[in-house]
Every structure is written in structure tokens, then in C-alpha cells.
Amino acid sequence: MDAYKNKMELVETIDPEIDKPVFRRPGFEGIKTLGELDERIATFIRKAREDKDLTRAELAPLLGLSMQVYGRYERAFSKMHVTRMIHLCEILGFMPMEMLFSAAPHLWGRTPEEARDTMELAQQVVSLPHGTKRDLLALVKKMVALERAADGAAETQRGEEGRL
């Protein structure tokens, strides 16, 4: 288990919402509590709603909610289930990865720049026509295979040099 924790770069932490120690991967600004992640998601959905020029009173019925219940999500008072998040994506027109990125960008790269580049690449790919996506996927698969082959050759060479 220690090898797995090290490989995944997990560290033990205490979160006020959980009564036992938990293991988390630090983000670019350290370990955020679950409450802080909820706040970031709440900020994202509020901005997404505002960007569509919708009021809470207009959006809530589209979700089958009262304005008060929906408002709890934007204030991070209530936690959303994944199904509610999916519904918000459908109604407000954003990809789930965008909302998750707003809360935990470190999941997209080892540095803030790499994370932003990964997100931008994903957003660009999503906007491509299907035929272009298919061609791009074939190209990327070839690139990955070549990269793995090169990594394997380099590993073999290092192993041979170590025996000399």
C-alpha cells in the first residue's frame, strides 16, 4: 500500500468533513479541504449561470428545483450528486471536465501551465467535427505507441549500460 500511495503522490491529511484521516493528492496550492472544493464548484456554477444571463429563479425550474434549493448549490451549502452535475452540464452547456478543473486543476497536469494546456487541448478537441476527431485519435494512438517504444528502448539501453 505504501508503494501505491507514493506512486499516486498521496499524503495523509485531516479534513473537517471526515472523522478519520484521509489520503489526498496535493494541488498546486496544497491540499484543499472538501469544503474548499465545494466552494470552487459553487463559484463555477454561479458564473456559468450568469454567463448565460439566467437568474436563479429562471434556472431552478429547468432543473426541477425551487430557487431556494438551487441557491444552496451556488452557496456550497448543499452538495451535488453527480447526476445533478450532469443535469447542470446539459442545461448550462459546459463539459463536466470544466467544472472539475475549476475545483482541482492539479488532476490535469504536474504544473499549472501543463494543467491549463491539457484543459485547452481537451476543449479544442471537443469542438472538432467527428471525422477530424477520429483522424486525430488515430494520430495520437500512433504517437503514444512510438513514445512507448522509445521509452522501452531507452530503458533497455540503460539496463545494458548498467551491466557493463
Protein backbone atom coordinates (compact mmCIF):
# COMPACT_ATOMS: atom_id res chain seq x y z
CA MET A 1 0.00 0.00 0.00
CA ASP A 2 2.89 2.40 0.72
CA ALA A 3 4.19 1.90 -2.82
CA TYR A 4 0.76 2.80 -4.21
CA LYS A 5 0.49 5.91 -2.02
CA ASN A 6 3.95 7.02 -3.15
CA LYS A 7 3.22 6.32 -6.81
CA MET A 8 -0.01 8.34 -6.62
CA GLU A 9 1.71 11.07 -4.53
CA LEU A 10 -0.90 10.75 -1.79
CA VAL A 11 -0.37 12.32 1.60
CA GLU A 12 -2.28 11.80 4.79
CA THR A 13 -4.43 14.72 5.81
CA ILE A 14 -7.30 15.63 8.08
CA ASP A 15 -10.49 17.08 6.60
CA PRO A 16 -13.12 18.66 8.84
CA GLU A 17 -15.86 16.82 6.95
CA ILE A 18 -14.41 13.35 7.55
CA ASP A 19 -13.88 11.90 11.01
CA LYS A 20 -10.79 9.86 10.03
CA PRO A 21 -7.52 10.73 8.34
CA VAL A 22 -7.74 10.54 4.55
CA PHE A 23 -5.18 10.44 1.77
CA ARG A 24 -5.23 13.15 -0.87
CA ARG A 25 -3.01 14.39 -3.64
CA PRO A 26 -1.88 17.96 -3.01
CA GLY A 27 -2.89 20.54 -5.57
CA PHE A 28 -0.83 23.46 -6.78
CA GLU A 29 -1.78 25.39 -3.64
CA GLY A 30 -1.55 22.49 -1.19
CA ILE A 31 -4.38 20.26 -0.08
CA LYS A 32 -7.79 21.86 -0.33
CA THR A 33 -10.47 20.63 2.05
CA LEU A 34 -13.57 19.06 0.58
CA GLY A 35 -15.41 22.20 1.64
CA GLU A 36 -12.99 24.34 -0.38
CA LEU A 37 -13.56 22.12 -3.41
CA ASP A 38 -17.33 22.58 -2.91
CA GLU A 39 -16.79 26.37 -2.83
CA ARG A 40 -14.88 26.28 -6.11
CA ILE A 41 -17.62 24.21 -7.76
CA ALA A 42 -20.27 26.60 -6.40
CA THR A 43 -18.37 29.57 -7.85
CA PHE A 44 -18.10 27.79 -11.20
CA ILE A 45 -21.81 27.02 -11.48
CA ARG A 46 -22.79 30.53 -10.40
CA LYS A 47 -20.54 32.01 -13.10
CA ALA A 48 -21.82 29.51 -15.70
CA ARG A 49 -25.40 30.56 -14.90
CA GLU A 50 -24.52 34.26 -15.01
CA ASP A 51 -22.68 33.78 -18.33
CA LYS A 52 -25.98 32.52 -19.78
CA ASP A 53 -27.78 35.58 -18.39
CA LEU A 54 -30.07 33.40 -16.27
CA THR A 55 -31.30 34.18 -12.79
CA ARG A 56 -31.57 31.53 -10.12
CA ALA A 57 -35.34 31.84 -10.44
CA GLU A 58 -35.12 31.06 -14.17
CA LEU A 59 -32.63 28.19 -13.88
CA ALA A 60 -34.09 26.34 -10.90
CA PRO A 61 -37.29 25.16 -12.66
CA LEU A 62 -35.23 23.82 -15.57
CA LEU A 63 -33.57 21.57 -13.02
CA GLY A 64 -36.84 20.68 -11.30
CA LEU A 65 -35.80 22.59 -8.19
CA SER A 66 -37.04 25.52 -6.20
CA MET A 67 -34.92 28.67 -6.31
CA GLN A 68 -34.03 28.16 -2.63
CA VAL A 69 -32.79 24.61 -3.17
CA TYR A 70 -30.77 25.58 -6.23
CA GLY A 71 -29.33 28.56 -4.33
CA ARG A 72 -27.88 26.15 -1.77
CA TYR A 73 -25.70 24.67 -4.50
CA GLU A 74 -24.36 28.09 -5.51
CA ARG A 75 -23.57 28.86 -1.88
CA ALA A 76 -21.90 25.46 -1.37
CA PHE A 77 -24.40 24.77 1.39
CA SER A 78 -25.68 21.59 -0.27
CA LYS A 79 -23.54 19.02 -2.02
CA MET A 80 -24.45 18.00 -5.54
CA HIS A 81 -24.74 14.44 -6.69
CA VAL A 82 -23.00 13.59 -9.94
CA THR A 83 -26.38 13.20 -11.64
CA ARG A 84 -27.27 16.80 -10.70
CA MET A 85 -23.90 17.95 -12.06
CA ILE A 86 -24.62 16.17 -15.34
CA HIS A 87 -28.01 17.86 -15.49
CA LEU A 88 -26.36 21.26 -14.94
CA CYS A 89 -23.94 20.50 -17.79
CA GLU A 90 -26.89 19.78 -20.06
CA ILE A 91 -28.78 22.92 -19.09
CA LEU A 92 -25.85 25.37 -18.96
CA GLY A 93 -23.86 23.86 -21.83
CA PHE A 94 -20.48 23.11 -20.26
CA MET A 95 -18.44 19.91 -20.08
CA PRO A 96 -18.07 18.17 -16.70
CA MET A 97 -14.30 18.41 -17.03
CA GLU A 98 -14.55 22.21 -16.96
CA MET A 99 -16.32 22.17 -13.60
CA LEU A 100 -13.90 19.62 -12.17
CA PHE A 101 -10.93 21.59 -13.48
CA SER A 102 -12.19 24.67 -11.65
CA ALA A 103 -12.00 22.73 -8.37
CA ALA A 104 -8.95 20.54 -8.92
CA PRO A 105 -6.71 21.66 -11.80
CA HIS A 106 -3.84 19.55 -10.47
CA LEU A 107 -5.62 16.49 -11.85
CA TRP A 108 -4.83 17.74 -15.37
CA GLY A 109 -1.06 18.19 -15.08
CA ARG A 110 2.02 18.38 -12.89
CA THR A 111 2.25 22.17 -13.17
CA PRO A 112 -0.38 24.90 -13.56
CA GLU A 113 0.82 25.52 -17.12
CA GLU A 114 0.59 21.83 -18.05
CA ALA A 115 -2.88 21.63 -16.49
CA ARG A 116 -4.11 24.67 -18.44
CA ASP A 117 -2.62 23.28 -21.67
CA THR A 118 -4.28 19.91 -21.09
CA MET A 119 -7.65 21.54 -20.46
CA GLU A 120 -7.32 23.79 -23.51
CA LEU A 121 -6.36 20.82 -25.67
CA ALA A 122 -9.36 18.84 -24.42
CA GLN A 123 -11.69 21.79 -25.08
CA GLN A 124 -10.31 22.22 -28.59
CA VAL A 125 -10.72 18.51 -29.34
CA VAL A 126 -14.32 18.55 -28.10
CA SER A 127 -15.13 21.32 -30.58
CA LEU A 128 -13.78 19.43 -33.62
CA PRO A 129 -16.04 17.66 -36.13
CA HIS A 130 -16.33 13.91 -35.58
CA GLY A 131 -14.29 12.93 -38.64
CA THR A 132 -11.44 15.16 -37.52
CA LYS A 133 -11.63 13.67 -34.01
CA ARG A 134 -11.38 10.18 -35.50
CA ASP A 135 -8.30 11.15 -37.55
CA LEU A 136 -6.73 12.90 -34.57
CA LEU A 137 -7.34 9.87 -32.36
CA ALA A 138 -5.57 7.60 -34.86
CA LEU A 139 -2.63 10.02 -34.99
CA VAL A 140 -2.40 10.29 -31.20
CA LYS A 141 -2.50 6.48 -30.83
CA LYS A 142 0.45 6.22 -33.22
CA MET A 143 2.32 8.92 -31.29
CA VAL A 144 1.72 7.11 -27.99
CA ALA A 145 2.91 3.81 -29.44
CA LEU A 146 6.08 5.48 -30.75
CA GLU A 147 6.68 7.19 -27.39
CA ARG A 148 6.27 3.90 -25.52
CA ALA A 149 8.59 2.13 -27.92
CA ALA A 150 11.20 4.88 -27.46
CA ASP A 151 10.82 4.69 -23.67
CA GLY A 152 11.22 0.91 -23.80
CA ALA A 153 14.34 1.19 -25.96
CA ALA A 154 15.84 3.78 -23.61
CA GLU A 155 15.07 1.57 -20.59
CA THR A 156 16.70 -1.42 -22.31
CA GLN A 157 19.78 0.66 -23.12
CA ARG A 158 20.08 1.88 -19.53
CA GLY A 159 19.82 -1.71 -18.33
CA GLU A 160 22.59 -2.83 -20.69
CA GLU A 161 24.85 0.05 -19.64
CA GLY A 162 24.30 -0.85 -16.00
CA ARG A 163 25.57 -4.39 -16.62
CA LEU A 164 28.78 -3.22 -18.22
